[in-house]
Each structure stands twice: as C-alpha cells, then as structure tokens.
C-alpha atoms as a PDB file:
ATOM      1  CA  UNK A   1      13.937 -36.259 -15.111  1.00  0.00           C
ATOM      2  CA  UNK A   2      11.658 -32.879 -13.953  1.00  0.00           C
ATOM      3  CA  UNK A   3      11.847 -29.934 -15.760  1.00  0.00           C
ATOM      4  CA  UNK A   4      13.108 -26.886 -13.396  1.00  0.00           C
ATOM      5  CA  UNK A   5      13.463 -23.885 -13.500  1.00  0.00           C
ATOM      6  CA  UNK A   6      14.879 -21.160 -10.834  1.00  0.00           C
ATOM      7  CA  UNK A   7      13.559 -18.030 -10.499  1.00  0.00           C
ATOM      8  CA  UNK A   8      14.183 -15.195  -8.382  1.00  0.00           C
ATOM      9  CA  UNK A   9      11.285 -11.924  -7.699  1.00  0.00           C
ATOM     10  CA  UNK A  10      12.691  -9.099  -7.205  1.00  0.00           C
ATOM     11  CA  UNK A  11       9.060  -7.477  -6.072  1.00  0.00           C
ATOM     12  CA  UNK A  12       8.427  -3.920  -6.337  1.00  0.00           C
ATOM     13  CA  UNK A  13       5.062  -2.537  -5.173  1.00  0.00           C
ATOM     14  CA  UNK A  14       4.358   1.449  -5.572  1.00  0.00           C
ATOM     15  CA  UNK A  15       1.808   1.848  -4.057  1.00  0.00           C
ATOM     16  CA  UNK A  16       1.667   5.939  -4.543  1.00  0.00           C
ATOM     17  CA  UNK A  17       3.509   6.345  -7.505  1.00  0.00           C
ATOM     18  CA  UNK A  18       1.566   6.289 -10.810  1.00  0.00           C
ATOM     19  CA  UNK A  19       4.331   4.936 -13.767  1.00  0.00           C
ATOM     20  CA  UNK A  20       8.169   3.987 -13.370  1.00  0.00           C
ATOM     21  CA  UNK A  21       9.375   3.212 -16.350  1.00  0.00           C
ATOM     22  CA  UNK A  22      12.413   0.856 -16.009  1.00  0.00           C
ATOM     23  CA  UNK A  23      10.614  -2.139 -15.709  1.00  0.00           C
ATOM     24  CA  UNK A  24       8.947  -3.690 -19.002  1.00  0.00           C
ATOM     25  CA  UNK A  25       5.796  -3.260 -17.521  1.00  0.00           C
ATOM     26  CA  UNK A  26       4.211  -0.781 -15.503  1.00  0.00           C
ATOM     27  CA  UNK A  27       1.012   0.790 -14.337  1.00  0.00           C
ATOM     28  CA  UNK A  28      -0.374   3.611 -15.836  1.00  0.00           C
ATOM     29  CA  UNK A  29      -2.658   5.773 -13.460  1.00  0.00           C
ATOM     30  CA  UNK A  30      -3.499   5.453 -10.138  1.00  0.00           C
ATOM     31  CA  UNK A  31      -2.011   2.098  -7.929  1.00  0.00           C
ATOM     32  CA  UNK A  32      -5.093   2.971  -5.574  1.00  0.00           C
ATOM     33  CA  UNK A  33      -8.965   2.441  -6.718  1.00  0.00           C
ATOM     34  CA  UNK A  34     -10.748   4.225  -3.943  1.00  0.00           C
ATOM     35  CA  UNK A  35     -14.383   4.288  -4.052  1.00  0.00           C
ATOM     36  CA  UNK A  36     -17.759   4.371  -2.250  1.00  0.00           C
ATOM     37  CA  UNK A  37     -20.878   2.373  -2.711  1.00  0.00           C
ATOM     38  CA  UNK A  38     -23.620   1.278  -0.943  1.00  0.00           C
ATOM     39  CA  UNK A  39     -24.720  -2.448  -0.212  1.00  0.00           C
ATOM     40  CA  UNK A  40     -25.308  -4.422  -3.002  1.00  0.00           C
ATOM     41  CA  UNK A  41     -24.134  -2.054  -5.527  1.00  0.00           C
ATOM     42  CA  UNK A  42     -21.941  -2.826  -8.784  1.00  0.00           C
ATOM     43  CA  UNK A  43     -19.190  -0.943 -10.475  1.00  0.00           C
ATOM     44  CA  UNK A  44     -16.587  -1.434 -12.595  1.00  0.00           C
ATOM     45  CA  UNK A  45     -13.029  -0.267 -13.308  1.00  0.00           C
ATOM     46  CA  UNK A  46     -10.146  -0.530 -15.990  1.00  0.00           C
ATOM     47  CA  UNK A  47      -6.840  -0.947 -15.525  1.00  0.00           C
ATOM     48  CA  UNK A  48      -3.965  -0.284 -17.722  1.00  0.00           C
ATOM     49  CA  UNK A  49      -0.450  -1.773 -18.231  1.00  0.00           C
ATOM     50  CA  UNK A  50       2.363  -0.826 -20.591  1.00  0.00           C
ATOM     51  CA  UNK A  51       4.676  -2.355 -22.046  1.00  0.00           C
ATOM     52  CA  UNK A  52       7.845  -0.047 -21.632  1.00  0.00           C
ATOM     53  CA  UNK A  53      10.199  -2.380 -23.427  1.00  0.00           C
ATOM     54  CA  UNK A  54      11.014  -3.357 -27.108  1.00  0.00           C
ATOM     55  CA  UNK A  55      10.548  -6.941 -26.909  1.00  0.00           C
ATOM     56  CA  UNK A  56       6.825  -8.331 -25.990  1.00  0.00           C
ATOM     57  CA  UNK A  57       5.935  -9.165 -22.631  1.00  0.00           C
ATOM     58  CA  UNK A  58       3.782 -11.527 -20.959  1.00  0.00           C
ATOM     59  CA  UNK A  59       1.941 -10.654 -18.303  1.00  0.00           C
ATOM     60  CA  UNK A  60      -0.463 -12.152 -15.691  1.00  0.00           C
ATOM     61  CA  UNK A  61      -2.908 -10.847 -13.361  1.00  0.00           C
ATOM     62  CA  UNK A  62      -4.391 -12.359  -9.533  1.00  0.00           C
ATOM     63  CA  UNK A  63      -5.153 -11.129  -6.632  1.00  0.00           C
ATOM     64  CA  UNK A  64      -3.822 -10.603  -2.757  1.00  0.00           C
ATOM     65  CA  UNK A  65      -5.266  -9.578   1.056  1.00  0.00           C
ATOM     66  CA  UNK A  66      -2.859  -6.910   2.037  1.00  0.00           C
ATOM     67  CA  UNK A  67      -2.251  -5.494   6.177  1.00  0.00           C
ATOM     68  CA  UNK A  68       0.757  -3.811   6.904  1.00  0.00           C
ATOM     69  CA  UNK A  69       2.313  -2.650  10.218  1.00  0.00           C
ATOM     70  CA  UNK A  70       4.261   0.079  11.466  1.00  0.00           C
ATOM     71  CA  UNK A  71       7.575  -1.861  12.121  1.00  0.00           C
ATOM     72  CA  UNK A  72       7.716  -1.892   8.084  1.00  0.00           C
ATOM     73  CA  UNK A  73       6.457  -5.947   8.089  1.00  0.00           C
ATOM     74  CA  UNK A  74       3.533  -6.565   5.148  1.00  0.00           C
ATOM     75  CA  UNK A  75       1.450  -9.183   4.780  1.00  0.00           C
ATOM     76  CA  UNK A  76      -0.101 -10.495   1.415  1.00  0.00           C
ATOM     77  CA  UNK A  77      -2.248 -13.476   2.625  1.00  0.00           C
ATOM     78  CA  UNK A  78      -4.860 -15.335   0.470  1.00  0.00           C
ATOM     79  CA  UNK A  79      -7.215 -13.213  -1.002  1.00  0.00           C
ATOM     80  CA  UNK A  80     -10.532 -12.971   0.666  1.00  0.00           C
ATOM     81  CA  UNK A  81      -9.810 -14.638   4.010  1.00  0.00           C
ATOM     82  CA  UNK A  82      -8.888 -11.015   6.279  1.00  0.00           C
ATOM     83  CA  UNK A  83     -12.494 -10.179   7.707  1.00  0.00           C
ATOM     84  CA  UNK A  84     -11.901  -7.154   5.658  1.00  0.00           C
ATOM     85  CA  UNK A  85     -11.333  -8.247   2.998  1.00  0.00           C
ATOM     86  CA  UNK A  86     -13.056  -7.288  -0.657  1.00  0.00           C
ATOM     87  CA  UNK A  87     -10.777  -9.465  -2.491  1.00  0.00           C
ATOM     88  CA  UNK A  88     -14.055 -11.978  -3.581  1.00  0.00           C
ATOM     89  CA  UNK A  89     -16.422  -9.126  -4.161  1.00  0.00           C
ATOM     90  CA  UNK A  90     -14.202  -8.298  -7.728  1.00  0.00           C
ATOM     91  CA  UNK A  91     -13.694 -10.461 -10.799  1.00  0.00           C
ATOM     92  CA  UNK A  92     -11.817  -9.126 -13.785  1.00  0.00           C
ATOM     93  CA  UNK A  93     -10.329 -10.303 -16.764  1.00  0.00           C
ATOM     94  CA  UNK A  94      -8.328 -10.940 -18.396  1.00  0.00           C
ATOM     95  CA  UNK A  95      -5.745 -12.776 -15.891  1.00  0.00           C
ATOM     96  CA  UNK A  96      -2.827 -13.447 -18.726  1.00  0.00           C
ATOM     97  CA  UNK A  97      -1.788 -11.606 -21.241  1.00  0.00           C
ATOM     98  CA  UNK A  98       1.178 -10.476 -24.150  1.00  0.00           C
ATOM     99  CA  UNK A  99       1.250  -6.678 -24.743  1.00  0.00           C
ATOM    100  CA  UNK A 100       2.961  -5.902 -27.750  1.00  0.00           C
ATOM    101  CA  UNK A 101       6.297  -2.934 -27.421  1.00  0.00           C
ATOM    102  CA  UNK A 102       5.660  -0.099 -26.184  1.00  0.00           C
ATOM    103  CA  UNK A 103       1.937  -0.768 -26.507  1.00  0.00           C
ATOM    104  CA  UNK A 104      -1.158  -0.737 -23.409  1.00  0.00           C
ATOM    105  CA  UNK A 105      -3.348  -2.824 -22.560  1.00  0.00           C
ATOM    106  CA  UNK A 106      -6.406  -2.687 -20.236  1.00  0.00           C
ATOM    107  CA  UNK A 107      -8.142  -5.487 -17.371  1.00  0.00           C
ATOM    108  CA  UNK A 108     -11.796  -4.779 -16.840  1.00  0.00           C
ATOM    109  CA  UNK A 109     -13.202  -5.436 -13.565  1.00  0.00           C
ATOM    110  CA  UNK A 110     -15.775  -5.699 -11.366  1.00  0.00           C
ATOM    111  CA  UNK A 111     -16.943  -4.761  -8.091  1.00  0.00           C
ATOM    112  CA  UNK A 112     -20.483  -6.286  -6.378  1.00  0.00           C
ATOM    113  CA  UNK A 113     -20.688  -5.613  -3.273  1.00  0.00           C
ATOM    114  CA  UNK A 114     -23.030  -8.115  -1.328  1.00  0.00           C
ATOM    115  CA  UNK A 115     -26.337  -7.248  -0.290  1.00  0.00           C
ATOM    116  CA  UNK A 116     -25.721  -7.100   3.796  1.00  0.00           C
ATOM    117  CA  UNK A 117     -26.847  -4.058   5.637  1.00  0.00           C
ATOM    118  CA  UNK A 118     -24.662  -5.160   8.035  1.00  0.00           C
ATOM    119  CA  UNK A 119     -21.660  -3.746   5.972  1.00  0.00           C
ATOM    120  CA  UNK A 120     -19.815  -1.042   7.158  1.00  0.00           C
ATOM    121  CA  UNK A 121     -16.402   0.994   7.256  1.00  0.00           C
ATOM    122  CA  UNK A 122     -13.956   0.243   4.856  1.00  0.00           C
ATOM    123  CA  UNK A 123     -13.275  -2.990   2.515  1.00  0.00           C
ATOM    124  CA  UNK A 124      -9.842  -3.818   0.827  1.00  0.00           C
ATOM    125  CA  UNK A 125      -7.948  -5.986  -1.393  1.00  0.00           C
ATOM    126  CA  UNK A 126      -4.611  -6.121  -3.251  1.00  0.00           C
ATOM    127  CA  UNK A 127      -4.643  -6.719  -7.180  1.00  0.00           C
ATOM    128  CA  UNK A 128      -1.181  -7.872  -8.673  1.00  0.00           C
ATOM    129  CA  UNK A 129       0.381  -7.266 -11.845  1.00  0.00           C
ATOM    130  CA  UNK A 130       3.215  -9.153 -12.505  1.00  0.00           C
ATOM    131  CA  UNK A 131       5.397  -9.448 -15.845  1.00  0.00           C
ATOM    132  CA  UNK A 132       6.063 -13.591 -16.742  1.00  0.00           C
ATOM    133  CA  UNK A 133       9.837 -13.582 -17.381  1.00  0.00           C
ATOM    134  CA  UNK A 134      10.604 -14.978 -21.197  1.00  0.00           C
ATOM    135  CA  UNK A 135      11.816 -18.513 -20.683  1.00  0.00           C
ATOM    136  CA  UNK A 136      10.175 -18.709 -17.423  1.00  0.00           C
ATOM    137  CA  UNK A 137       8.022 -22.503 -16.860  1.00  0.00           C
ATOM    138  CA  UNK A 138       5.089 -19.232 -16.787  1.00  0.00           C
ATOM    139  CA  UNK A 139       5.799 -18.075 -19.907  1.00  0.00           C
ATOM    140  CA  UNK A 140       5.074 -19.294 -23.555  1.00  0.00           C
ATOM    141  CA  UNK A 141       6.963 -17.599 -25.368  1.00  0.00           C
ATOM    142  CA  UNK A 142      10.272 -20.729 -25.274  1.00  0.00           C
ATOM    143  CA  UNK A 143       8.770 -23.368 -23.335  1.00  0.00           C
ATOM    144  CA  UNK A 144      11.576 -25.921 -22.529  1.00  0.00           C
ATOM    145  CA  UNK A 145      12.241 -29.259 -24.090  1.00  0.00           C
ATOM    146  CA  UNK A 146      11.027 -32.346 -22.526  1.00  0.00           C
ATOM    147  CA  UNK A 147      13.602 -33.646 -19.769  1.00  0.00           C
ATOM    148  CA  UNK A 148      15.286 -30.638 -19.769  1.00  0.00           C
ATOM    149  CA  UNK A 149      16.978 -28.765 -16.766  1.00  0.00           C
ATOM    150  CA  UNK A 150      16.852 -25.352 -17.029  1.00  0.00           C
ATOM    151  CA  UNK A 151      18.272 -23.371 -13.879  1.00  0.00           C
ATOM    152  CA  UNK A 152      17.878 -19.417 -14.354  1.00  0.00           C
ATOM    153  CA  UNK A 153      17.639 -15.868 -12.725  1.00  0.00           C
ATOM    154  CA  UNK A 154      15.070 -13.643 -13.406  1.00  0.00           C
ATOM    155  CA  UNK A 155      13.981 -10.561 -12.064  1.00  0.00           C
ATOM    156  CA  UNK A 156      10.712 -10.317 -11.787  1.00  0.00           C
ATOM    157  CA  UNK A 157       9.128  -6.841 -11.029  1.00  0.00           C
ATOM    158  CA  UNK A 158       5.590  -6.915 -10.323  1.00  0.00           C
ATOM    159  CA  UNK A 159       2.803  -3.985  -8.931  1.00  0.00           C
ATOM    160  CA  UNK A 160      -0.546  -3.965  -6.633  1.00  0.00           C
ATOM    161  CA  UNK A 161      -2.957  -1.776  -7.242  1.00  0.00           C
ATOM    162  CA  UNK A 162      -5.041  -1.393  -4.202  1.00  0.00           C
ATOM    163  CA  UNK A 163      -8.556  -2.012  -4.915  1.00  0.00           C
ATOM    164  CA  UNK A 164     -10.534  -0.196  -2.073  1.00  0.00           C
ATOM    165  CA  UNK A 165     -14.460   0.117  -1.321  1.00  0.00           C
ATOM    166  CA  UNK A 166     -16.133   2.480   1.522  1.00  0.00           C
ATOM    167  CA  UNK A 167     -19.609   1.249   2.097  1.00  0.00           C
ATOM    168  CA  UNK A 168     -21.451   4.921   1.940  1.00  0.00           C
ATOM    169  CA  UNK A 169     -19.689   7.426   4.551  1.00  0.00           C
ATOM    170  CA  UNK A 170     -20.328   4.469   7.432  1.00  0.00           C
ATOM    171  CA  UNK A 171     -17.966   3.270   9.995  1.00  0.00           C
ATOM    172  CA  UNK A 172     -15.985   4.189  13.207  1.00  0.00           C
ATOM    173  CA  UNK A 173     -13.006   6.413  12.642  1.00  0.00           C
ATOM    174  CA  UNK A 174     -10.512   5.908  15.376  1.00  0.00           C
ATOM    175  CA  UNK A 175      -6.600   5.851  16.002  1.00  0.00           C
ATOM    176  CA  UNK A 176      -4.531   4.664  18.727  1.00  0.00           C
ATOM    177  CA  UNK A 177      -1.303   5.885  19.505  1.00  0.00           C
ATOM    178  CA  UNK A 178       1.319   3.281  20.059  1.00  0.00           C
ATOM    179  CA  UNK A 179       5.315   3.698  20.360  1.00  0.00           C
ATOM    180  CA  UNK A 180       6.339   7.165  20.737  1.00  0.00           C
ATOM    181  CA  UNK A 181       9.974   7.632  21.181  1.00  0.00           C
ATOM    182  CA  UNK A 182      13.733  10.063  19.986  1.00  0.00           C
ATOM    183  CA  UNK A 183      15.962   8.059  17.513  1.00  0.00           C
ATOM    184  CA  UNK A 184      18.920   9.693  16.965  1.00  0.00           C
ATOM    185  CA  UNK A 185      21.401   8.266  14.371  1.00  0.00           C
ATOM    186  CA  UNK A 186      24.756  10.030  13.579  1.00  0.00           C
ATOM    187  CA  UNK A 187      23.773  13.561  13.040  1.00  0.00           C
ATOM    188  CA  UNK A 188      19.857  13.134  12.835  1.00  0.00           C
ATOM    189  CA  UNK A 189      17.387  13.199  15.200  1.00  0.00           C
ATOM    190  CA  UNK A 190      14.157  11.341  14.797  1.00  0.00           C
ATOM    191  CA  UNK A 191      10.648  11.462  16.614  1.00  0.00           C
ATOM    192  CA  UNK A 192       8.961   8.416  15.909  1.00  0.00           C
ATOM    193  CA  UNK A 193       4.442   7.841  16.566  1.00  0.00           C
ATOM    194  CA  UNK A 194       3.704   5.091  15.723  1.00  0.00           C
ATOM    195  CA  UNK A 195      -0.286   5.263  14.842  1.00  0.00           C
ATOM    196  CA  UNK A 196      -2.498   1.841  14.961  1.00  0.00           C
ATOM    197  CA  UNK A 197      -6.082   2.631  13.245  1.00  0.00           C
ATOM    198  CA  UNK A 198      -8.401   0.546  15.414  1.00  0.00           C
ATOM    199  CA  UNK A 199     -12.053   1.844  13.499  1.00  0.00           C
ATOM    200  CA  UNK A 200     -13.539   0.525  10.638  1.00  0.00           C
ATOM    201  CA  UNK A 201     -12.411   3.244   7.753  1.00  0.00           C
ATOM    202  CA  UNK A 202      -9.982   4.050   6.068  1.00  0.00           C
ATOM    203  CA  UNK A 203      -7.918   7.240   7.621  1.00  0.00           C
ATOM    204  CA  UNK A 204      -5.383   9.333   5.917  1.00  0.00           C
ATOM    205  CA  UNK A 205      -3.678  10.963   8.683  1.00  0.00           C
ATOM    206  CA  UNK A 206      -1.621  14.053   8.118  1.00  0.00           C
ATOM    207  CA  UNK A 207       0.678  14.016  11.806  1.00  0.00           C
ATOM    208  CA  UNK A 208       2.320  16.628  12.720  1.00  0.00           C
ATOM    209  CA  UNK A 209       3.707  18.058  16.739  1.00  0.00           C
ATOM    210  CA  UNK A 210       3.183  21.701  18.499  1.00  0.00           C
ATOM    211  CA  UNK A 211       6.242  22.408  20.380  1.00  0.00           C
ATOM    212  CA  UNK A 212       6.935  24.209  23.487  1.00  0.00           C
ATOM    213  CA  UNK A 213      10.327  24.945  26.148  1.00  0.00           C
ATOM    214  CA  UNK A 214      10.096  24.360  29.646  1.00  0.00           C
ATOM    215  CA  UNK A 215       8.762  27.958  30.371  1.00  0.00           C
ATOM    216  CA  UNK A 216       5.444  27.741  27.555  1.00  0.00           C
ATOM    217  CA  UNK A 217       7.378  29.329  24.812  1.00  0.00           C
ATOM    218  CA  UNK A 218       5.944  28.144  21.862  1.00  0.00           C
ATOM    219  CA  UNK A 219       9.655  26.596  19.590  1.00  0.00           C
ATOM    220  CA  UNK A 220       7.546  25.659  16.536  1.00  0.00           C
ATOM    221  CA  UNK A 221       5.324  23.127  14.337  1.00  0.00           C
ATOM    222  CA  UNK A 222       6.959  20.210  12.777  1.00  0.00           C
ATOM    223  CA  UNK A 223       5.290  18.364   9.980  1.00  0.00           C
ATOM    224  CA  UNK A 224       5.329  14.491   9.726  1.00  0.00           C
ATOM    225  CA  UNK A 225       3.453  14.425   6.601  1.00  0.00           C
ATOM    226  CA  UNK A 226       0.573  12.218   5.397  1.00  0.00           C
ATOM    227  CA  UNK A 227       0.313   8.724   5.118  1.00  0.00           C
ATOM    228  CA  UNK A 228      -2.650   6.026   5.327  1.00  0.00           C
ATOM    229  CA  UNK A 229      -3.763   3.262   7.602  1.00  0.00           C
ATOM    230  CA  UNK A 230      -6.798   0.540   7.206  1.00  0.00           C
ATOM    231  CA  UNK A 231      -9.118  -1.213  10.166  1.00  0.00           C
ATOM    232  CA  UNK A 232      -6.558  -3.394  12.074  1.00  0.00           C
ATOM    233  CA  UNK A 233      -3.693  -1.532  10.396  1.00  0.00           C
ATOM    234  CA  UNK A 234      -0.496   0.566  11.985  1.00  0.00           C
ATOM    235  CA  UNK A 235       2.203   3.204  10.415  1.00  0.00           C
ATOM    236  CA  UNK A 236       5.046   4.318  11.653  1.00  0.00           C
ATOM    237  CA  UNK A 237       5.577   8.629  10.776  1.00  0.00           C
ATOM    238  CA  UNK A 238       8.940  10.506  11.303  1.00  0.00           C
ATOM    239  CA  UNK A 239       9.832  14.074  12.004  1.00  0.00           C
ATOM    240  CA  UNK A 240      12.561  15.429  11.866  1.00  0.00           C
ATOM    241  CA  UNK A 241      13.857  17.086  14.687  1.00  0.00           C
ATOM    242  CA  UNK A 242      17.720  17.241  13.977  1.00  0.00           C
ATOM    243  CA  UNK A 243      17.367  21.813  14.535  1.00  0.00           C
ATOM    244  CA  UNK A 244      16.133  21.341  17.555  1.00  0.00           C
ATOM    245  CA  UNK A 245      18.472  22.727  20.533  1.00  0.00           C
ATOM    246  CA  UNK A 246      19.144  20.186  23.164  1.00  0.00           C
ATOM    247  CA  UNK A 247      16.498  20.540  26.021  1.00  0.00           C
ATOM    248  CA  UNK A 248      13.459  19.405  27.601  1.00  0.00           C
ATOM    249  CA  UNK A 249      10.248  20.277  25.671  1.00  0.00           C
ATOM    250  CA  UNK A 250       6.550  20.117  25.961  1.00  0.00           C
ATOM    251  CA  UNK A 251       5.371  19.052  22.368  1.00  0.00           C
ATOM    252  CA  UNK A 252       1.478  18.147  21.669  1.00  0.00           C
ATOM    253  CA  UNK A 253       1.453  15.724  18.985  1.00  0.00           C
ATOM    254  CA  UNK A 254      -1.742  16.474  16.062  1.00  0.00           C
ATOM    255  CA  UNK A 255      -2.883  13.800  13.575  1.00  0.00           C
ATOM    256  CA  UNK A 256      -5.409  15.055  10.938  1.00  0.00           C
ATOM    257  CA  UNK A 257      -7.544  12.913   9.536  1.00  0.00           C
ATOM    258  CA  UNK A 258     -10.097  15.711   7.933  1.00  0.00           C
ATOM    259  CA  UNK A 259     -13.150  17.330   9.164  1.00  0.00           C
ATOM    260  CA  UNK A 260     -14.026  16.418  12.420  1.00  0.00           C
ATOM    261  CA  UNK A 261     -11.545  13.533  13.101  1.00  0.00           C
ATOM    262  CA  UNK A 262      -8.638  15.227  15.290  1.00  0.00           C
ATOM    263  CA  UNK A 263      -6.679  13.525  17.081  1.00  0.00           C
ATOM    264  CA  UNK A 264      -4.450  14.280  19.839  1.00  0.00           C
ATOM    265  CA  UNK A 265      -1.663  13.483  21.931  1.00  0.00           C
ATOM    266  CA  UNK A 266       0.619  15.492  25.200  1.00  0.00           C
ATOM    267  CA  UNK A 267       4.503  14.508  25.200  1.00  0.00           C
ATOM    268  CA  UNK A 268       7.724  15.469  26.874  1.00  0.00           C
ATOM    269  CA  UNK A 269      10.514  15.055  24.646  1.00  0.00           C
ATOM    270  CA  UNK A 270      13.910  15.752  25.456  1.00  0.00           C
ATOM    271  CA  UNK A 271      16.945  15.890  23.017  1.00  0.00           C
ATOM    272  CA  UNK A 272      19.915  15.002  23.719  1.00  0.00           C
END
C-alpha cells in the first residue's frame, strides 16, 4: 500500500508587507526585488528568511510566473512560460534549507539578463518561499514508516517575492481604462475603476478623481490610492464616495504614473 499524506495548503501572498510574525517562517525585508539593468548585465541579491517559531523549520524555495487581473484573479504559471517572464534568467541557492528556531537564513540569487538587444520594458516572475509542514512527505524530520497510511491536515504559509527586471529606462508606458461604475453596498458608495497596463513597462499608478456639480462648481478631490501593474495585467481602484450628496456630477479621473505619464478620463457620475 502506498503512503498517502493529505495536506491542505492555505497560501498567503504578502506582496507589500515586509514582515509577518505569526507564521513559522517570514521574509525579512521587501517582498519586491526590483532592479534596472542592461541587456547582457548580471546582478545578484539576497532574500532573508527567518524562522519565527520555537522549533526548527524546513523551508523550500521555487519559482513561478505571475499575472493578476482587476477581477481579483491571479495566475501562478509555469516559470518562464510568459513572454515577459525573467524566471529563466534567475539561478538561486539553496532551494531547501532547515532553519533553527529564531534564526535567519539566506537565499542567494543571480539574474543574468540575456544579451538580446530586442529586450525592452519590464520582465518579472515570482519567487516562492514556503515552509514545509513537519511530518509531510516533503519533510525529512519524521519520515513515515513503510506501508503506513498517513492522513493529516496541515497549514502551510508561503510568501511570494516579486523579482522585477527593468531594461534600463526602455519600454512604452501606456494604460487603458476598463470598467468604471458606481457600486453601493449597505451604507457605502464606491466608485470602481479598472485599469489595464497595455504598455511594456511596470507602472505604479496613483489614481484620484476631481468632482464638479452640474453647474461646474468644484466639489473636491477624492483619492483611490496607489497600485502597481505589469504589462498585460490589470488592477481595480476603489474611491470612497459615501460622503458625496446624491446627484449628478462631472468627474475627471486622473491616473498619475510619475513624470510626464499622466492619463485622464472624463466620467459622468451619478450618486443615487
């Protein structure tokens, strides 16, 4: 009879938070490693992994591609498959490690940009760091006995580190407005704006809208925060309009990506 080990993985991806202490492992430092480089250039870096628990923790590291969309869906694809993946440019070590309690370990990586003059814009992938549940088939700490049937439910936390390579300052910067709609839920009113990156470069847009009444009087500026979007991905902004009185308004939605990269869209807003 074959050994069976049932493991439920509850995967948590912390893309902006540098530290999460409740898990057995945590990443120390940024969860985005971004670098500008020329074609043919090689650069290196380190990912620091800490065991926050009271016992030793086995950890594995591996790669995926990464896409995300304004409807909330994510794709963690086969590394190197996406046309803008840099996964195959990356070598790293180790891919398996055991970290003593309260100690820190290093994963060293090297990114070798191909000697290809046609490269332009941004290339990226995801670097996964995941704790190995004790007693699982992957764990070396307590291997099950031969012919033993082992069923268990274990929680595994994993972190996604975005590995981003910008080819110097190249790449077209371009956005497209997608769905724009007003959503009301209970006592809250949100203006939702979908934005798609149709260019070649990573953008970090800040979005806001300026509101005018039907007589042209300026009502105010309402912020939607800042998100990041890679070529071919999309994001959704939410602007809280709960305090705006009922009525019809003219609005100008502004997306500021820094420098001269400013995009605008007029929109007739109705608050019911």
